[in-house]
Amino acid sequence: QRGRVYIVTNGSEYIQRRHLQDGGILPYCDGVF
């Protein structure tokens, strides 16, 4: 609500992408690194 949200994370693409989805994080993201 305040601005733009970006994820900046180390790790495996497969695991992090799955956790983004399963954790309910992705809908709030403007970008993922």
ModelCIF file with pLDDT and N, C-alpha, C, O atoms, coordinates in Angstrom:
data_MODEL
#
_entry.id   MODEL 
#
_entity.id                         1 
_entity.type                       polymer 
_entity.pdbx_number_of_molecules   1 
#
_entity_poly.entity_id                      1 
_entity_poly.type                           'polypeptide(L)' 
_entity_poly.nstd_linkage                   no 
_entity_poly.nstd_monomer                   no 
_entity_poly.pdbx_seq_one_letter_code       QRGRVYIVTNGSEYIQRRHLQDGGILPYCDGVF 
_entity_poly.pdbx_seq_one_letter_code_can   QRGRVYIVTNGSEYIQRRHLQDGGILPYCDGVF 
_entity_poly.pdbx_strand_id                 A 
#
loop_
_entity_poly_seq.entity_id 
_entity_poly_seq.num 
_entity_poly_seq.mon_id 
_entity_poly_seq.hetero 
1 1  GLN n 
1 2  ARG n 
1 3  GLY n 
1 4  ARG n 
1 5  VAL n 
1 6  TYR n 
1 7  ILE n 
1 8  VAL n 
1 9  THR n 
1 10 ASN n 
1 11 GLY n 
1 12 SER n 
1 13 GLU n 
1 14 TYR n 
1 15 ILE n 
1 16 GLN n 
1 17 ARG n 
1 18 ARG n 
1 19 HIS n 
1 20 LEU n 
1 21 GLN n 
1 22 ASP n 
1 23 GLY n 
1 24 GLY n 
1 25 ILE n 
1 26 LEU n 
1 27 PRO n 
1 28 TYR n 
1 29 CYS n 
1 30 ASP n 
1 31 GLY n 
1 32 VAL n 
1 33 PHE n 
#
_struct_asym.id          A 
_struct_asym.entity_id   1 
#
loop_
_ma_qa_metric.id 
_ma_qa_metric.mode 
_ma_qa_metric.name 
_ma_qa_metric.software_group_id 
_ma_qa_metric.type 
1 global pLDDT . pLDDT 
2 local  pLDDT . pLDDT 
#
_ma_qa_metric_global.metric_id      1 
_ma_qa_metric_global.metric_value   96.94 
_ma_qa_metric_global.model_id       1 
_ma_qa_metric_global.ordinal_id     1 
#
loop_
_ma_qa_metric_local.label_asym_id 
_ma_qa_metric_local.label_comp_id 
_ma_qa_metric_local.label_seq_id 
_ma_qa_metric_local.metric_id 
_ma_qa_metric_local.metric_value 
_ma_qa_metric_local.model_id 
_ma_qa_metric_local.ordinal_id 
A GLN 1  2 98.00 1 1  
A ARG 2  2 97.00 1 2  
A GLY 3  2 98.00 1 3  
A ARG 4  2 98.00 1 4  
A VAL 5  2 98.00 1 5  
A TYR 6  2 98.00 1 6  
A ILE 7  2 98.00 1 7  
A VAL 8  2 98.00 1 8  
A THR 9  2 97.00 1 9  
A ASN 10 2 93.00 1 10 
A GLY 11 2 87.00 1 11 
A SER 12 2 92.00 1 12 
A GLU 13 2 95.00 1 13 
A TYR 14 2 96.00 1 14 
A ILE 15 2 97.00 1 15 
A GLN 16 2 98.00 1 16 
A ARG 17 2 97.00 1 17 
A ARG 18 2 97.00 1 18 
A HIS 19 2 98.00 1 19 
A LEU 20 2 98.00 1 20 
A GLN 21 2 97.00 1 21 
A ASP 22 2 98.00 1 22 
A GLY 23 2 98.00 1 23 
A GLY 24 2 98.00 1 24 
A ILE 25 2 98.00 1 25 
A LEU 26 2 97.00 1 26 
A PRO 27 2 97.00 1 27 
A TYR 28 2 98.00 1 28 
A CYS 29 2 98.00 1 29 
A ASP 30 2 98.00 1 30 
A GLY 31 2 98.00 1 31 
A VAL 32 2 98.00 1 32 
A PHE 33 2 98.00 1 33 
#
loop_
_atom_site.group_PDB 
_atom_site.id 
_atom_site.type_symbol 
_atom_site.label_atom_id 
_atom_site.label_alt_id 
_atom_site.label_comp_id 
_atom_site.label_asym_id 
_atom_site.label_entity_id 
_atom_site.label_seq_id 
_atom_site.pdbx_PDB_ins_code 
_atom_site.Cartn_x 
_atom_site.Cartn_y 
_atom_site.Cartn_z 
_atom_site.occupancy 
_atom_site.B_iso_or_equiv 
_atom_site.pdbx_formal_charge 
_atom_site.auth_seq_id 
_atom_site.auth_comp_id 
_atom_site.auth_asym_id 
_atom_site.auth_atom_id 
_atom_site.pdbx_PDB_model_num 
ATOM 1   N N  . GLN A 1 1  ? 0.824  -1.208  0.000   1.00 98.00 ? 1  GLN A N  1 
ATOM 2   C CA . GLN A 1 1  ? 0.000  0.000   0.000   1.00 98.00 ? 1  GLN A CA 1 
ATOM 3   C C  . GLN A 1 1  ? 0.861  1.262   0.000   1.00 98.00 ? 1  GLN A C  1 
ATOM 4   O O  . GLN A 1 1  ? 0.434  2.317   -0.469  1.00 98.00 ? 1  GLN A O  1 
ATOM 5   N N  . ARG A 1 2  ? 2.066  1.139   0.527   1.00 97.00 ? 2  ARG A N  1 
ATOM 6   C CA . ARG A 1 2  ? 2.957  2.297   0.649   1.00 97.00 ? 2  ARG A CA 1 
ATOM 7   C C  . ARG A 1 2  ? 3.844  2.490   -0.562  1.00 97.00 ? 2  ARG A C  1 
ATOM 8   O O  . ARG A 1 2  ? 4.197  3.623   -0.890  1.00 97.00 ? 2  ARG A O  1 
ATOM 9   N N  . GLY A 1 3  ? 4.219  1.392   -1.248  1.00 98.00 ? 3  GLY A N  1 
ATOM 10  C CA . GLY A 1 3  ? 5.146  1.526   -2.366  1.00 98.00 ? 3  GLY A CA 1 
ATOM 11  C C  . GLY A 1 3  ? 5.321  0.234   -3.136  1.00 98.00 ? 3  GLY A C  1 
ATOM 12  O O  . GLY A 1 3  ? 4.382  -0.544  -3.302  1.00 98.00 ? 3  GLY A O  1 
ATOM 13  N N  . ARG A 1 4  ? 6.551  0.017   -3.607  1.00 98.00 ? 4  ARG A N  1 
ATOM 14  C CA . ARG A 1 4  ? 6.865  -1.168  -4.404  1.00 98.00 ? 4  ARG A CA 1 
ATOM 15  C C  . ARG A 1 4  ? 7.682  -2.157  -3.585  1.00 98.00 ? 4  ARG A C  1 
ATOM 16  O O  . ARG A 1 4  ? 8.513  -1.768  -2.764  1.00 98.00 ? 4  ARG A O  1 
ATOM 17  N N  . VAL A 1 5  ? 7.431  -3.445  -3.821  1.00 98.00 ? 5  VAL A N  1 
ATOM 18  C CA . VAL A 1 5  ? 8.039  -4.507  -3.028  1.00 98.00 ? 5  VAL A CA 1 
ATOM 19  C C  . VAL A 1 5  ? 8.841  -5.435  -3.945  1.00 98.00 ? 5  VAL A C  1 
ATOM 20  O O  . VAL A 1 5  ? 8.323  -5.934  -4.944  1.00 98.00 ? 5  VAL A O  1 
ATOM 21  N N  . TYR A 1 6  ? 10.105 -5.658  -3.594  1.00 98.00 ? 6  TYR A N  1 
ATOM 22  C CA . TYR A 1 6  ? 10.985 -6.541  -4.360  1.00 98.00 ? 6  TYR A CA 1 
ATOM 23  C C  . TYR A 1 6  ? 11.626 -7.564  -3.426  1.00 98.00 ? 6  TYR A C  1 
ATOM 24  O O  . TYR A 1 6  ? 12.036 -7.233  -2.313  1.00 98.00 ? 6  TYR A O  1 
ATOM 25  N N  . ILE A 1 7  ? 11.707 -8.793  -3.886  1.00 98.00 ? 7  ILE A N  1 
ATOM 26  C CA . ILE A 1 7  ? 12.394 -9.850  -3.155  1.00 98.00 ? 7  ILE A CA 1 
ATOM 27  C C  . ILE A 1 7  ? 13.828 -9.941  -3.645  1.00 98.00 ? 7  ILE A C  1 
ATOM 28  O O  . ILE A 1 7  ? 14.072 -9.982  -4.851  1.00 98.00 ? 7  ILE A O  1 
ATOM 29  N N  . VAL A 1 8  ? 14.782 -9.971  -2.714  1.00 98.00 ? 8  VAL A N  1 
ATOM 30  C CA . VAL A 1 8  ? 16.201 -10.119 -3.062  1.00 98.00 ? 8  VAL A CA 1 
ATOM 31  C C  . VAL A 1 8  ? 16.742 -11.279 -2.233  1.00 98.00 ? 8  VAL A C  1 
ATOM 32  O O  . VAL A 1 8  ? 16.939 -11.142 -1.026  1.00 98.00 ? 8  VAL A O  1 
ATOM 33  N N  . THR A 1 9  ? 16.981 -12.413 -2.871  1.00 97.00 ? 9  THR A N  1 
ATOM 34  C CA . THR A 1 9  ? 17.284 -13.627 -2.120  1.00 97.00 ? 9  THR A CA 1 
ATOM 35  C C  . THR A 1 9  ? 18.353 -14.482 -2.787  1.00 97.00 ? 9  THR A C  1 
ATOM 36  O O  . THR A 1 9  ? 18.407 -14.595 -4.012  1.00 97.00 ? 9  THR A O  1 
ATOM 37  N N  . ASN A 1 10 ? 19.195 -15.074 -1.964  1.00 93.00 ? 10 ASN A N  1 
ATOM 38  C CA . ASN A 1 10 ? 20.106 -16.111 -2.435  1.00 93.00 ? 10 ASN A CA 1 
ATOM 39  C C  . ASN A 1 10 ? 19.373 -17.441 -2.450  1.00 93.00 ? 10 ASN A C  1 
ATOM 40  O O  . ASN A 1 10 ? 18.349 -17.606 -1.788  1.00 93.00 ? 10 ASN A O  1 
ATOM 41  N N  . GLY A 1 11 ? 19.907 -18.388 -3.211  1.00 87.00 ? 11 GLY A N  1 
ATOM 42  C CA . GLY A 1 11 ? 19.331 -19.723 -3.166  1.00 87.00 ? 11 GLY A CA 1 
ATOM 43  C C  . GLY A 1 11 ? 18.933 -20.270 -4.520  1.00 87.00 ? 11 GLY A C  1 
ATOM 44  O O  . GLY A 1 11 ? 19.179 -19.672 -5.567  1.00 87.00 ? 11 GLY A O  1 
ATOM 45  N N  . SER A 1 12 ? 18.307 -21.430 -4.454  1.00 92.00 ? 12 SER A N  1 
ATOM 46  C CA . SER A 1 12 ? 17.872 -22.149 -5.649  1.00 92.00 ? 12 SER A CA 1 
ATOM 47  C C  . SER A 1 12 ? 16.640 -21.506 -6.263  1.00 92.00 ? 12 SER A C  1 
ATOM 48  O O  . SER A 1 12 ? 15.692 -21.164 -5.557  1.00 92.00 ? 12 SER A O  1 
ATOM 49  N N  . GLU A 1 13 ? 16.658 -21.344 -7.563  1.00 95.00 ? 13 GLU A N  1 
ATOM 50  C CA . GLU A 1 13 ? 15.488 -20.814 -8.268  1.00 95.00 ? 13 GLU A CA 1 
ATOM 51  C C  . GLU A 1 13 ? 14.257 -21.671 -7.995  1.00 95.00 ? 13 GLU A C  1 
ATOM 52  O O  . GLU A 1 13 ? 13.180 -21.142 -7.720  1.00 95.00 ? 13 GLU A O  1 
ATOM 53  N N  . TYR A 1 14 ? 14.411 -22.986 -8.069  1.00 96.00 ? 14 TYR A N  1 
ATOM 54  C CA . TYR A 1 14 ? 13.280 -23.893 -7.892  1.00 96.00 ? 14 TYR A CA 1 
ATOM 55  C C  . TYR A 1 14 ? 12.678 -23.760 -6.492  1.00 96.00 ? 14 TYR A C  1 
ATOM 56  O O  . TYR A 1 14 ? 11.465 -23.611 -6.345  1.00 96.00 ? 14 TYR A O  1 
ATOM 57  N N  . ILE A 1 15 ? 13.525 -23.813 -5.473  1.00 97.00 ? 15 ILE A N  1 
ATOM 58  C CA . ILE A 1 15 ? 13.029 -23.750 -4.097  1.00 97.00 ? 15 ILE A CA 1 
ATOM 59  C C  . ILE A 1 15 ? 12.434 -22.375 -3.801  1.00 97.00 ? 15 ILE A C  1 
ATOM 60  O O  . ILE A 1 15 ? 11.341 -22.283 -3.242  1.00 97.00 ? 15 ILE A O  1 
ATOM 61  N N  . GLN A 1 16 ? 13.136 -21.316 -4.167  1.00 98.00 ? 16 GLN A N  1 
ATOM 62  C CA . GLN A 1 16 ? 12.652 -19.978 -3.842  1.00 98.00 ? 16 GLN A CA 1 
ATOM 63  C C  . GLN A 1 16 ? 11.352 -19.653 -4.575  1.00 98.00 ? 16 GLN A C  1 
ATOM 64  O O  . GLN A 1 16 ? 10.454 -19.035 -4.002  1.00 98.00 ? 16 GLN A O  1 
ATOM 65  N N  . ARG A 1 17 ? 11.251 -20.061 -5.825  1.00 97.00 ? 17 ARG A N  1 
ATOM 66  C CA . ARG A 1 17 ? 10.013 -19.822 -6.573  1.00 97.00 ? 17 ARG A CA 1 
ATOM 67  C C  . ARG A 1 17 ? 8.851  -20.586 -5.948  1.00 97.00 ? 17 ARG A C  1 
ATOM 68  O O  . ARG A 1 17 ? 7.734  -20.075 -5.870  1.00 97.00 ? 17 ARG A O  1 
ATOM 69  N N  . ARG A 1 18 ? 9.117  -21.798 -5.510  1.00 97.00 ? 18 ARG A N  1 
ATOM 70  C CA . ARG A 1 18 ? 8.049  -22.579 -4.865  1.00 97.00 ? 18 ARG A CA 1 
ATOM 71  C C  . ARG A 1 18 ? 7.636  -21.945 -3.543  1.00 97.00 ? 18 ARG A C  1 
ATOM 72  O O  . ARG A 1 18 ? 6.446  -21.878 -3.236  1.00 97.00 ? 18 ARG A O  1 
ATOM 73  N N  . HIS A 1 19 ? 8.591  -21.485 -2.770  1.00 98.00 ? 19 HIS A N  1 
ATOM 74  C CA . HIS A 1 19 ? 8.275  -20.852 -1.491  1.00 98.00 ? 19 HIS A CA 1 
ATOM 75  C C  . HIS A 1 19 ? 7.567  -19.508 -1.676  1.00 98.00 ? 19 HIS A C  1 
ATOM 76  O O  . HIS A 1 19 ? 6.715  -19.139 -0.868  1.00 98.00 ? 19 HIS A O  1 
ATOM 77  N N  . LEU A 1 20 ? 7.912  -18.794 -2.713  1.00 98.00 ? 20 LEU A N  1 
ATOM 78  C CA . LEU A 1 20 ? 7.201  -17.552 -3.012  1.00 98.00 ? 20 LEU A CA 1 
ATOM 79  C C  . LEU A 1 20 ? 5.717  -17.819 -3.239  1.00 98.00 ? 20 LEU A C  1 
ATOM 80  O O  . LEU A 1 20 ? 4.850  -17.076 -2.779  1.00 98.00 ? 20 LEU A O  1 
ATOM 81  N N  . GLN A 1 21 ? 5.458  -18.900 -3.959  1.00 97.00 ? 21 GLN A N  1 
ATOM 82  C CA . GLN A 1 21 ? 4.066  -19.267 -4.242  1.00 97.00 ? 21 GLN A CA 1 
ATOM 83  C C  . GLN A 1 21 ? 3.378  -19.847 -3.006  1.00 97.00 ? 21 GLN A C  1 
ATOM 84  O O  . GLN A 1 21 ? 2.299  -19.396 -2.622  1.00 97.00 ? 21 GLN A O  1 
ATOM 85  N N  . ASP A 1 22 ? 4.000  -20.837 -2.393  1.00 98.00 ? 22 ASP A N  1 
ATOM 86  C CA . ASP A 1 22 ? 3.382  -21.515 -1.249  1.00 98.00 ? 22 ASP A CA 1 
ATOM 87  C C  . ASP A 1 22 ? 3.240  -20.588 -0.043  1.00 98.00 ? 22 ASP A C  1 
ATOM 88  O O  . ASP A 1 22 ? 2.308  -20.733 0.748   1.00 98.00 ? 22 ASP A O  1 
ATOM 89  N N  . GLY A 1 23 ? 4.152  -19.648 0.095   1.00 98.00 ? 23 GLY A N  1 
ATOM 90  C CA . GLY A 1 23 ? 4.118  -18.744 1.238   1.00 98.00 ? 23 GLY A CA 1 
ATOM 91  C C  . GLY A 1 23 ? 3.186  -17.565 1.064   1.00 98.00 ? 23 GLY A C  1 
ATOM 92  O O  . GLY A 1 23 ? 3.006  -16.776 1.992   1.00 98.00 ? 23 GLY A O  1 
ATOM 93  N N  . GLY A 1 24 ? 2.583  -17.431 -0.120  1.00 98.00 ? 24 GLY A N  1 
ATOM 94  C CA . GLY A 1 24 ? 1.668  -16.325 -0.363  1.00 98.00 ? 24 GLY A CA 1 
ATOM 95  C C  . GLY A 1 24 ? 2.364  -14.988 -0.543  1.00 98.00 ? 24 GLY A C  1 
ATOM 96  O O  . GLY A 1 24 ? 1.755  -13.940 -0.328  1.00 98.00 ? 24 GLY A O  1 
ATOM 97  N N  . ILE A 1 25 ? 3.619  -15.010 -0.932  1.00 98.00 ? 25 ILE A N  1 
ATOM 98  C CA . ILE A 1 25 ? 4.407  -13.791 -1.079  1.00 98.00 ? 25 ILE A CA 1 
ATOM 99  C C  . ILE A 1 25 ? 4.244  -13.159 -2.454  1.00 98.00 ? 25 ILE A C  1 
ATOM 100 O O  . ILE A 1 25 ? 4.203  -11.934 -2.572  1.00 98.00 ? 25 ILE A O  1 
ATOM 101 N N  . LEU A 1 26 ? 4.153  -13.971 -3.477  1.00 97.00 ? 26 LEU A N  1 
ATOM 102 C CA . LEU A 1 26 ? 4.209  -13.510 -4.860  1.00 97.00 ? 26 LEU A CA 1 
ATOM 103 C C  . LEU A 1 26 ? 3.182  -12.431 -5.208  1.00 97.00 ? 26 LEU A C  1 
ATOM 104 O O  . LEU A 1 26 ? 3.526  -11.500 -5.937  1.00 97.00 ? 26 LEU A O  1 
ATOM 105 N N  . PRO A 1 27 ? 1.942  -12.508 -4.725  1.00 97.00 ? 27 PRO A N  1 
ATOM 106 C CA . PRO A 1 27 ? 0.967  -11.474 -5.107  1.00 97.00 ? 27 PRO A CA 1 
ATOM 107 C C  . PRO A 1 27 ? 1.361  -10.058 -4.690  1.00 97.00 ? 27 PRO A C  1 
ATOM 108 O O  . PRO A 1 27 ? 0.837  -9.089  -5.240  1.00 97.00 ? 27 PRO A O  1 
ATOM 109 N N  . TYR A 1 28 ? 2.262  -9.925  -3.741  1.00 98.00 ? 28 TYR A N  1 
ATOM 110 C CA . TYR A 1 28 ? 2.643  -8.603  -3.242  1.00 98.00 ? 28 TYR A CA 1 
ATOM 111 C C  . TYR A 1 28 ? 3.915  -8.068  -3.900  1.00 98.00 ? 28 TYR A C  1 
ATOM 112 O O  . TYR A 1 28 ? 4.354  -6.960  -3.591  1.00 98.00 ? 28 TYR A O  1 
ATOM 113 N N  . CYS A 1 29 ? 4.504  -8.845  -4.799  1.00 98.00 ? 29 CYS A N  1 
ATOM 114 C CA . CYS A 1 29 ? 5.811  -8.499  -5.358  1.00 98.00 ? 29 CYS A CA 1 
ATOM 115 C C  . CYS A 1 29 ? 5.710  -7.723  -6.668  1.00 98.00 ? 29 CYS A C  1 
ATOM 116 O O  . CYS A 1 29 ? 4.926  -8.060  -7.556  1.00 98.00 ? 29 CYS A O  1 
ATOM 117 N N  . ASP A 1 30 ? 6.521  -6.680  -6.759  1.00 98.00 ? 30 ASP A N  1 
ATOM 118 C CA . ASP A 1 30 ? 6.700  -5.972  -8.028  1.00 98.00 ? 30 ASP A CA 1 
ATOM 119 C C  . ASP A 1 30 ? 7.864  -6.549  -8.818  1.00 98.00 ? 30 ASP A C  1 
ATOM 120 O O  . ASP A 1 30 ? 8.008  -6.272  -10.009 1.00 98.00 ? 30 ASP A O  1 
ATOM 121 N N  . GLY A 1 31 ? 8.684  -7.339  -8.170  1.00 98.00 ? 31 GLY A N  1 
ATOM 122 C CA . GLY A 1 31 ? 9.810  -7.973  -8.827  1.00 98.00 ? 31 GLY A CA 1 
ATOM 123 C C  . GLY A 1 31 ? 10.503 -8.934  -7.883  1.00 98.00 ? 31 GLY A C  1 
ATOM 124 O O  . GLY A 1 31 ? 10.411 -8.801  -6.663  1.00 98.00 ? 31 GLY A O  1 
ATOM 125 N N  . VAL A 1 32 ? 11.206 -9.913  -8.464  1.00 98.00 ? 32 VAL A N  1 
ATOM 126 C CA . VAL A 1 32 ? 11.907 -10.929 -7.676  1.00 98.00 ? 32 VAL A CA 1 
ATOM 127 C C  . VAL A 1 32 ? 13.317 -11.093 -8.226  1.00 98.00 ? 32 VAL A C  1 
ATOM 128 O O  . VAL A 1 32 ? 13.507 -11.289 -9.426  1.00 98.00 ? 32 VAL A O  1 
ATOM 129 N N  . PHE A 1 33 ? 14.296 -11.012 -7.345  1.00 98.00 ? 33 PHE A N  1 
ATOM 130 C CA . PHE A 1 33 ? 15.695 -11.195 -7.723  1.00 98.00 ? 33 PHE A CA 1 
ATOM 131 C C  . PHE A 1 33 ? 16.258 -12.386 -6.956  1.00 98.00 ? 33 PHE A C  1 
ATOM 132 O O  . PHE A 1 33 ? 17.430 -12.727 -7.119  1.00 98.00 ? 33 PHE A O  1 
#
